[in-house]
């Protein structure tokens, strides 16, 4: 594979295809740059290729890797080392304002979450008001929840205000006194969802009881032991999505 890569770099390093894809776009899309091929990224960039050049669809090579679920920790690190802009184009975002961290949490990519998370993005909200922690909880990604808590995510932070506004407009019968499983949530549930929701609310709504318990123990006592927090995602919320590769 390495010999093929070097041959392609020599032939096509300065040529874009009909869709405006650079050689880096094409190598990533065809999975010729795997997670271990950091040298290949360096070789391509050393030819003078702009790592942030967009194709006709408005995607950078980084965008393409994320959209095709081909982004790995080594590839992310290699692109970063060469000045890659990690903001996502609108076409790559599931929800406007999504970051790579939001997407990694939805896909249960715990190793990628740990590589990406920092003080600048840990509490970033997308256009619907959801943080990466909210997404990790919603999708049943317990390992991602653990990684975010360890990095300083706040499980009682209010989020989702925009979702609430959309729901309120769609449902004429929205009433203040309606509660969202507050009877089961104890001190962590909020009875008035129109003011937003917390990661605890989402855990209850989705039936992710192990995640709720882990966050509760974390919030009350600090980092929980495996005995206290349990493993996996519990019954009602369905199985956790496939673990990070």
C-alpha atoms as a PDB file:
ATOM      1  CA  UNK A   1       0.000   0.000   0.000  1.00  0.00           C
ATOM      2  CA  UNK A   2       2.816   2.397   0.854  1.00  0.00           C
ATOM      3  CA  UNK A   3       4.340   1.976  -2.610  1.00  0.00           C
ATOM      4  CA  UNK A   4       0.967   2.634  -4.248  1.00  0.00           C
ATOM      5  CA  UNK A   5       0.525   5.765  -2.148  1.00  0.00           C
ATOM      6  CA  UNK A   6       3.917   7.142  -3.119  1.00  0.00           C
ATOM      7  CA  UNK A   7       3.187   6.464  -6.790  1.00  0.00           C
ATOM      8  CA  UNK A   8      -0.194   8.244  -6.586  1.00  0.00           C
ATOM      9  CA  UNK A   9       1.364  11.203  -4.803  1.00  0.00           C
ATOM     10  CA  UNK A  10       3.959  11.587  -7.558  1.00  0.00           C
ATOM     11  CA  UNK A  11       1.333  11.401 -10.321  1.00  0.00           C
ATOM     12  CA  UNK A  12      -1.593  13.355  -8.912  1.00  0.00           C
ATOM     13  CA  UNK A  13      -0.387  15.628  -6.122  1.00  0.00           C
ATOM     14  CA  UNK A  14      -1.287  18.787  -8.065  1.00  0.00           C
ATOM     15  CA  UNK A  15      -4.431  17.547  -9.827  1.00  0.00           C
ATOM     16  CA  UNK A  16      -8.031  17.759  -8.624  1.00  0.00           C
ATOM     17  CA  UNK A  17     -10.752  15.489 -10.000  1.00  0.00           C
ATOM     18  CA  UNK A  18     -13.947  16.683 -11.708  1.00  0.00           C
ATOM     19  CA  UNK A  19     -15.618  17.174  -8.322  1.00  0.00           C
ATOM     20  CA  UNK A  20     -12.805  19.324  -7.023  1.00  0.00           C
ATOM     21  CA  UNK A  21     -11.404  16.605  -4.786  1.00  0.00           C
ATOM     22  CA  UNK A  22      -7.704  16.888  -4.065  1.00  0.00           C
ATOM     23  CA  UNK A  23      -5.453  13.870  -3.800  1.00  0.00           C
ATOM     24  CA  UNK A  24      -5.954  13.978  -0.029  1.00  0.00           C
ATOM     25  CA  UNK A  25      -9.750  13.839  -0.465  1.00  0.00           C
ATOM     26  CA  UNK A  26      -9.406  10.856  -2.786  1.00  0.00           C
ATOM     27  CA  UNK A  27      -6.953   8.936  -0.628  1.00  0.00           C
ATOM     28  CA  UNK A  28      -9.209   9.312   2.404  1.00  0.00           C
ATOM     29  CA  UNK A  29     -12.437   8.498   0.531  1.00  0.00           C
ATOM     30  CA  UNK A  30     -10.898   5.330  -0.919  1.00  0.00           C
ATOM     31  CA  UNK A  31      -9.487   4.316   2.479  1.00  0.00           C
ATOM     32  CA  UNK A  32      -5.925   4.394   1.180  1.00  0.00           C
ATOM     33  CA  UNK A  33      -4.915   6.440   4.204  1.00  0.00           C
ATOM     34  CA  UNK A  34      -5.673   4.307   7.205  1.00  0.00           C
ATOM     35  CA  UNK A  35      -5.338   5.267  10.824  1.00  0.00           C
ATOM     36  CA  UNK A  36      -1.668   4.259  10.726  1.00  0.00           C
ATOM     37  CA  UNK A  37      -0.680   6.209   7.622  1.00  0.00           C
ATOM     38  CA  UNK A  38       0.398   9.486   9.225  1.00  0.00           C
ATOM     39  CA  UNK A  39       3.437   9.488   6.946  1.00  0.00           C
ATOM     40  CA  UNK A  40       1.163   9.530   3.902  1.00  0.00           C
ATOM     41  CA  UNK A  41      -0.578  12.697   5.067  1.00  0.00           C
ATOM     42  CA  UNK A  42       2.796  14.329   5.609  1.00  0.00           C
ATOM     43  CA  UNK A  43       3.995  13.315   2.141  1.00  0.00           C
ATOM     44  CA  UNK A  44       0.856  14.709   0.486  1.00  0.00           C
ATOM     45  CA  UNK A  45       1.052  17.998   2.374  1.00  0.00           C
ATOM     46  CA  UNK A  46       4.773  18.350   1.633  1.00  0.00           C
ATOM     47  CA  UNK A  47       3.921  18.546  -2.082  1.00  0.00           C
ATOM     48  CA  UNK A  48       2.296  21.912  -1.402  1.00  0.00           C
ATOM     49  CA  UNK A  49      -1.293  20.668  -1.262  1.00  0.00           C
ATOM     50  CA  UNK A  50      -3.633  22.849   0.790  1.00  0.00           C
ATOM     51  CA  UNK A  51      -5.021  20.597   3.537  1.00  0.00           C
ATOM     52  CA  UNK A  52      -8.032  22.910   3.914  1.00  0.00           C
ATOM     53  CA  UNK A  53      -8.972  23.097   0.234  1.00  0.00           C
ATOM     54  CA  UNK A  54     -12.675  22.423  -0.362  1.00  0.00           C
ATOM     55  CA  UNK A  55     -14.177  20.354  -3.153  1.00  0.00           C
ATOM     56  CA  UNK A  56     -17.231  21.448  -5.146  1.00  0.00           C
ATOM     57  CA  UNK A  57     -19.502  20.143  -2.375  1.00  0.00           C
ATOM     58  CA  UNK A  58     -17.775  22.463   0.087  1.00  0.00           C
ATOM     59  CA  UNK A  59     -15.977  19.675   1.943  1.00  0.00           C
ATOM     60  CA  UNK A  60     -12.393  19.657   3.112  1.00  0.00           C
ATOM     61  CA  UNK A  61     -10.591  16.325   3.327  1.00  0.00           C
ATOM     62  CA  UNK A  62     -11.302  16.445   7.070  1.00  0.00           C
ATOM     63  CA  UNK A  63     -15.020  16.945   6.370  1.00  0.00           C
ATOM     64  CA  UNK A  64     -15.000  13.967   4.051  1.00  0.00           C
ATOM     65  CA  UNK A  65     -13.285  11.742   6.608  1.00  0.00           C
ATOM     66  CA  UNK A  66     -15.884  12.677   9.233  1.00  0.00           C
ATOM     67  CA  UNK A  67     -18.869  12.318   6.885  1.00  0.00           C
ATOM     68  CA  UNK A  68     -17.725   8.866   5.733  1.00  0.00           C
ATOM     69  CA  UNK A  69     -16.958   7.784   9.316  1.00  0.00           C
ATOM     70  CA  UNK A  70     -13.333   7.261   8.360  1.00  0.00           C
ATOM     71  CA  UNK A  71     -11.807   9.710  10.827  1.00  0.00           C
ATOM     72  CA  UNK A  72      -9.494   7.983  13.278  1.00  0.00           C
ATOM     73  CA  UNK A  73      -7.359   9.336  16.082  1.00  0.00           C
ATOM     74  CA  UNK A  74      -4.063   9.026  14.120  1.00  0.00           C
ATOM     75  CA  UNK A  75      -5.615  10.630  11.024  1.00  0.00           C
ATOM     76  CA  UNK A  76      -7.100  13.439  13.128  1.00  0.00           C
ATOM     77  CA  UNK A  77      -3.729  14.048  14.761  1.00  0.00           C
ATOM     78  CA  UNK A  78      -1.910  14.009  11.417  1.00  0.00           C
ATOM     79  CA  UNK A  79      -4.310  16.540   9.897  1.00  0.00           C
ATOM     80  CA  UNK A  80      -4.062  18.771  12.972  1.00  0.00           C
ATOM     81  CA  UNK A  81      -0.272  18.712  12.788  1.00  0.00           C
ATOM     82  CA  UNK A  82      -0.512  20.134   9.269  1.00  0.00           C
ATOM     83  CA  UNK A  83      -2.878  22.986  10.088  1.00  0.00           C
ATOM     84  CA  UNK A  84      -6.214  21.348   9.369  1.00  0.00           C
ATOM     85  CA  UNK A  85      -9.301  23.439  10.139  1.00  0.00           C
ATOM     86  CA  UNK A  86     -11.507  21.141  12.237  1.00  0.00           C
ATOM     87  CA  UNK A  87     -14.711  23.128  11.855  1.00  0.00           C
ATOM     88  CA  UNK A  88     -17.302  21.133   9.937  1.00  0.00           C
ATOM     89  CA  UNK A  89     -19.124  22.258   6.806  1.00  0.00           C
ATOM     90  CA  UNK A  90     -22.917  22.454   6.964  1.00  0.00           C
ATOM     91  CA  UNK A  91     -23.231  19.327   4.838  1.00  0.00           C
ATOM     92  CA  UNK A  92     -21.262  17.279   7.366  1.00  0.00           C
ATOM     93  CA  UNK A  93     -23.243  18.435  10.395  1.00  0.00           C
ATOM     94  CA  UNK A  94     -26.296  16.410  11.406  1.00  0.00           C
ATOM     95  CA  UNK A  95     -27.456  19.444  13.387  1.00  0.00           C
ATOM     96  CA  UNK A  96     -26.244  22.942  12.548  1.00  0.00           C
ATOM     97  CA  UNK A  97     -23.398  23.890  14.847  1.00  0.00           C
ATOM     98  CA  UNK A  98     -22.222  20.317  15.418  1.00  0.00           C
ATOM     99  CA  UNK A  99     -18.556  19.797  16.233  1.00  0.00           C
ATOM    100  CA  UNK A 100     -16.482  16.674  15.738  1.00  0.00           C
ATOM    101  CA  UNK A 101     -17.025  16.019  19.438  1.00  0.00           C
ATOM    102  CA  UNK A 102     -20.826  15.945  18.992  1.00  0.00           C
ATOM    103  CA  UNK A 103     -20.459  13.449  16.158  1.00  0.00           C
ATOM    104  CA  UNK A 104     -17.919  11.281  17.993  1.00  0.00           C
ATOM    105  CA  UNK A 105     -20.321  11.035  20.940  1.00  0.00           C
ATOM    106  CA  UNK A 106     -23.230   9.975  18.711  1.00  0.00           C
ATOM    107  CA  UNK A 107     -21.060   7.265  17.174  1.00  0.00           C
ATOM    108  CA  UNK A 108     -19.717   6.013  20.534  1.00  0.00           C
ATOM    109  CA  UNK A 109     -16.133   6.807  19.503  1.00  0.00           C
ATOM    110  CA  UNK A 110     -14.621   6.946  22.978  1.00  0.00           C
ATOM    111  CA  UNK A 111     -10.971   7.078  21.867  1.00  0.00           C
ATOM    112  CA  UNK A 112     -11.769   9.866  19.434  1.00  0.00           C
ATOM    113  CA  UNK A 113     -13.679  11.735  22.152  1.00  0.00           C
ATOM    114  CA  UNK A 114     -10.650  11.565  24.445  1.00  0.00           C
ATOM    115  CA  UNK A 115      -8.371  12.807  21.648  1.00  0.00           C
ATOM    116  CA  UNK A 116     -10.641  15.679  20.627  1.00  0.00           C
ATOM    117  CA  UNK A 117     -12.147  17.013  23.867  1.00  0.00           C
ATOM    118  CA  UNK A 118     -10.724  20.171  25.402  1.00  0.00           C
ATOM    119  CA  UNK A 119     -11.871  23.249  27.309  1.00  0.00           C
ATOM    120  CA  UNK A 120     -12.951  24.959  24.088  1.00  0.00           C
ATOM    121  CA  UNK A 121     -15.415  22.329  22.872  1.00  0.00           C
ATOM    122  CA  UNK A 122     -16.550  20.353  25.901  1.00  0.00           C
ATOM    123  CA  UNK A 123     -19.593  22.564  26.525  1.00  0.00           C
ATOM    124  CA  UNK A 124     -20.201  23.742  22.946  1.00  0.00           C
ATOM    125  CA  UNK A 125     -23.889  23.728  22.040  1.00  0.00           C
ATOM    126  CA  UNK A 126     -25.192  23.124  18.543  1.00  0.00           C
ATOM    127  CA  UNK A 127     -28.104  25.092  17.105  1.00  0.00           C
ATOM    128  CA  UNK A 128     -30.601  23.007  19.091  1.00  0.00           C
ATOM    129  CA  UNK A 129     -28.775  23.722  22.335  1.00  0.00           C
ATOM    130  CA  UNK A 130     -27.295  20.252  22.819  1.00  0.00           C
ATOM    131  CA  UNK A 131     -23.812  19.676  24.225  1.00  0.00           C
ATOM    132  CA  UNK A 132     -21.611  16.667  23.410  1.00  0.00           C
ATOM    133  CA  UNK A 133     -22.567  15.177  26.794  1.00  0.00           C
ATOM    134  CA  UNK A 134     -26.265  15.383  25.918  1.00  0.00           C
ATOM    135  CA  UNK A 135     -25.567  13.547  22.652  1.00  0.00           C
ATOM    136  CA  UNK A 136     -23.481  10.876  24.374  1.00  0.00           C
ATOM    137  CA  UNK A 137     -26.294  10.248  26.854  1.00  0.00           C
ATOM    138  CA  UNK A 138     -29.015  10.286  24.191  1.00  0.00           C
ATOM    139  CA  UNK A 139     -27.197   7.684  22.090  1.00  0.00           C
ATOM    140  CA  UNK A 140     -26.359   5.465  25.055  1.00  0.00           C
ATOM    141  CA  UNK A 141     -22.594   5.961  24.816  1.00  0.00           C
ATOM    142  CA  UNK A 142     -21.550   5.219  28.395  1.00  0.00           C
ATOM    143  CA  UNK A 143     -17.812   5.195  27.660  1.00  0.00           C
ATOM    144  CA  UNK A 144     -18.107   8.606  25.997  1.00  0.00           C
ATOM    145  CA  UNK A 145     -20.073   9.887  28.994  1.00  0.00           C
ATOM    146  CA  UNK A 146     -17.254   8.707  31.262  1.00  0.00           C
ATOM    147  CA  UNK A 147     -14.638  10.414  29.086  1.00  0.00           C
ATOM    148  CA  UNK A 148     -16.564  13.690  29.079  1.00  0.00           C
ATOM    149  CA  UNK A 149     -17.137  13.656  32.837  1.00  0.00           C
ATOM    150  CA  UNK A 150     -13.435  13.029  33.392  1.00  0.00           C
ATOM    151  CA  UNK A 151     -12.698  16.011  31.141  1.00  0.00           C
ATOM    152  CA  UNK A 152     -14.985  18.273  33.155  1.00  0.00           C
ATOM    153  CA  UNK A 153     -18.429  18.061  31.523  1.00  0.00           C
ATOM    154  CA  UNK A 154     -21.293  19.166  33.766  1.00  0.00           C
ATOM    155  CA  UNK A 155     -24.248  16.721  33.881  1.00  0.00           C
ATOM    156  CA  UNK A 156     -26.579  19.265  35.513  1.00  0.00           C
ATOM    157  CA  UNK A 157     -26.003  22.021  32.955  1.00  0.00           C
ATOM    158  CA  UNK A 158     -29.223  23.088  31.243  1.00  0.00           C
ATOM    159  CA  UNK A 159     -29.313  22.424  27.503  1.00  0.00           C
ATOM    160  CA  UNK A 160     -31.772  21.946  24.686  1.00  0.00           C
ATOM    161  CA  UNK A 161     -33.661  25.222  24.944  1.00  0.00           C
ATOM    162  CA  UNK A 162     -34.183  25.329  21.183  1.00  0.00           C
ATOM    163  CA  UNK A 163     -35.687  21.829  21.125  1.00  0.00           C
ATOM    164  CA  UNK A 164     -38.143  22.928  23.787  1.00  0.00           C
ATOM    165  CA  UNK A 165     -39.171  25.984  21.804  1.00  0.00           C
ATOM    166  CA  UNK A 166     -39.793  23.843  18.718  1.00  0.00           C
ATOM    167  CA  UNK A 167     -41.871  21.387  20.723  1.00  0.00           C
ATOM    168  CA  UNK A 168     -43.854  24.184  22.329  1.00  0.00           C
ATOM    169  CA  UNK A 169     -44.719  25.661  18.951  1.00  0.00           C
ATOM    170  CA  UNK A 170     -45.686  22.258  17.553  1.00  0.00           C
ATOM    171  CA  UNK A 171     -47.888  21.260  20.478  1.00  0.00           C
ATOM    172  CA  UNK A 172     -50.602  23.754  21.372  1.00  0.00           C
ATOM    173  CA  UNK A 173     -51.434  21.900  24.541  1.00  0.00           C
ATOM    174  CA  UNK A 174     -48.026  22.480  26.110  1.00  0.00           C
ATOM    175  CA  UNK A 175     -48.651  23.076  29.805  1.00  0.00           C
ATOM    176  CA  UNK A 176     -46.307  24.356  32.516  1.00  0.00           C
ATOM    177  CA  UNK A 177     -47.386  21.756  35.034  1.00  0.00           C
ATOM    178  CA  UNK A 178     -46.341  18.872  32.789  1.00  0.00           C
ATOM    179  CA  UNK A 179     -43.272  17.137  34.147  1.00  0.00           C
ATOM    180  CA  UNK A 180     -40.658  14.981  32.516  1.00  0.00           C
ATOM    181  CA  UNK A 181     -40.287  11.880  34.642  1.00  0.00           C
ATOM    182  CA  UNK A 182     -39.482  13.997  37.669  1.00  0.00           C
ATOM    183  CA  UNK A 183     -40.899  11.379  40.004  1.00  0.00           C
ATOM    184  CA  UNK A 184     -38.187   8.931  38.932  1.00  0.00           C
ATOM    185  CA  UNK A 185     -35.428  11.468  38.763  1.00  0.00           C
ATOM    186  CA  UNK A 186     -35.209  12.623  42.358  1.00  0.00           C
ATOM    187  CA  UNK A 187     -33.108  15.761  42.844  1.00  0.00           C
ATOM    188  CA  UNK A 188     -31.709  15.662  39.302  1.00  0.00           C
ATOM    189  CA  UNK A 189     -34.981  15.850  37.334  1.00  0.00           C
ATOM    190  CA  UNK A 190     -36.458  19.184  36.343  1.00  0.00           C
ATOM    191  CA  UNK A 191     -40.262  19.438  36.384  1.00  0.00           C
ATOM    192  CA  UNK A 192     -40.470  22.166  33.721  1.00  0.00           C
ATOM    193  CA  UNK A 193     -38.909  21.004  30.468  1.00  0.00           C
ATOM    194  CA  UNK A 194     -39.678  24.285  28.701  1.00  0.00           C
ATOM    195  CA  UNK A 195     -36.724  25.739  30.625  1.00  0.00           C
ATOM    196  CA  UNK A 196     -34.378  23.176  29.091  1.00  0.00           C
ATOM    197  CA  UNK A 197     -33.149  19.790  30.223  1.00  0.00           C
ATOM    198  CA  UNK A 198     -30.052  18.226  31.715  1.00  0.00           C
ATOM    199  CA  UNK A 199     -28.125  15.074  30.873  1.00  0.00           C
ATOM    200  CA  UNK A 200     -30.048  13.402  33.708  1.00  0.00           C
ATOM    201  CA  UNK A 201     -33.373  14.211  32.031  1.00  0.00           C
ATOM    202  CA  UNK A 202     -32.174  12.714  28.752  1.00  0.00           C
ATOM    203  CA  UNK A 203     -30.893   9.572  30.479  1.00  0.00           C
ATOM    204  CA  UNK A 204     -34.321   9.056  32.052  1.00  0.00           C
ATOM    205  CA  UNK A 205     -36.254   9.848  28.888  1.00  0.00           C
ATOM    206  CA  UNK A 206     -34.163   7.360  26.879  1.00  0.00           C
ATOM    207  CA  UNK A 207     -34.190   4.686  29.571  1.00  0.00           C
ATOM    208  CA  UNK A 208     -30.412   4.717  30.036  1.00  0.00           C
ATOM    209  CA  UNK A 209     -30.468   3.893  33.737  1.00  0.00           C
ATOM    210  CA  UNK A 210     -26.816   2.869  34.041  1.00  0.00           C
ATOM    211  CA  UNK A 211     -25.761   6.182  32.528  1.00  0.00           C
ATOM    212  CA  UNK A 212     -28.074   8.055  34.899  1.00  0.00           C
ATOM    213  CA  UNK A 213     -26.644   6.153  37.867  1.00  0.00           C
ATOM    214  CA  UNK A 214     -23.050   6.732  36.765  1.00  0.00           C
ATOM    215  CA  UNK A 215     -23.627  10.477  36.433  1.00  0.00           C
ATOM    216  CA  UNK A 216     -25.464  10.633  39.760  1.00  0.00           C
ATOM    217  CA  UNK A 217     -22.668   8.864  41.637  1.00  0.00           C
ATOM    218  CA  UNK A 218     -20.135  11.068  39.866  1.00  0.00           C
ATOM    219  CA  UNK A 219     -21.997  14.247  40.762  1.00  0.00           C
ATOM    220  CA  UNK A 220     -22.518  13.286  44.403  1.00  0.00           C
ATOM    221  CA  UNK A 221     -19.321  11.441  45.278  1.00  0.00           C
ATOM    222  CA  UNK A 222     -16.742  12.076  42.578  1.00  0.00           C
ATOM    223  CA  UNK A 223     -15.487   9.424  40.190  1.00  0.00           C
ATOM    224  CA  UNK A 224     -17.509   6.214  40.748  1.00  0.00           C
ATOM    225  CA  UNK A 225     -16.054   2.754  40.939  1.00  0.00           C
ATOM    226  CA  UNK A 226     -17.164   0.163  38.407  1.00  0.00           C
ATOM    227  CA  UNK A 227     -19.088  -1.580  41.199  1.00  0.00           C
ATOM    228  CA  UNK A 228     -21.106   1.519  41.958  1.00  0.00           C
ATOM    229  CA  UNK A 229     -21.673   2.714  38.431  1.00  0.00           C
ATOM    230  CA  UNK A 230     -22.146  -0.583  36.628  1.00  0.00           C
ATOM    231  CA  UNK A 231     -21.196  -1.267  33.051  1.00  0.00           C
ATOM    232  CA  UNK A 232     -23.043  -0.921  29.759  1.00  0.00           C
ATOM    233  CA  UNK A 233     -26.338   0.669  28.937  1.00  0.00           C
ATOM    234  CA  UNK A 234     -29.354  -0.666  30.769  1.00  0.00           C
ATOM    235  CA  UNK A 235     -32.448  -2.307  29.549  1.00  0.00           C
ATOM    236  CA  UNK A 236     -34.981   0.295  28.484  1.00  0.00           C
ATOM    237  CA  UNK A 237     -32.796   2.440  26.270  1.00  0.00           C
ATOM    238  CA  UNK A 238     -31.793  -0.372  23.946  1.00  0.00           C
ATOM    239  CA  UNK A 239     -28.313  -1.609  23.291  1.00  0.00           C
ATOM    240  CA  UNK A 240     -25.378   0.741  23.131  1.00  0.00           C
ATOM    241  CA  UNK A 241     -24.203   1.551  19.638  1.00  0.00           C
ATOM    242  CA  UNK A 242     -21.170  -0.245  18.296  1.00  0.00           C
ATOM    243  CA  UNK A 243     -18.027   0.489  20.267  1.00  0.00           C
ATOM    244  CA  UNK A 244     -15.186   2.579  18.898  1.00  0.00           C
ATOM    245  CA  UNK A 245     -12.889   0.827  16.534  1.00  0.00           C
END
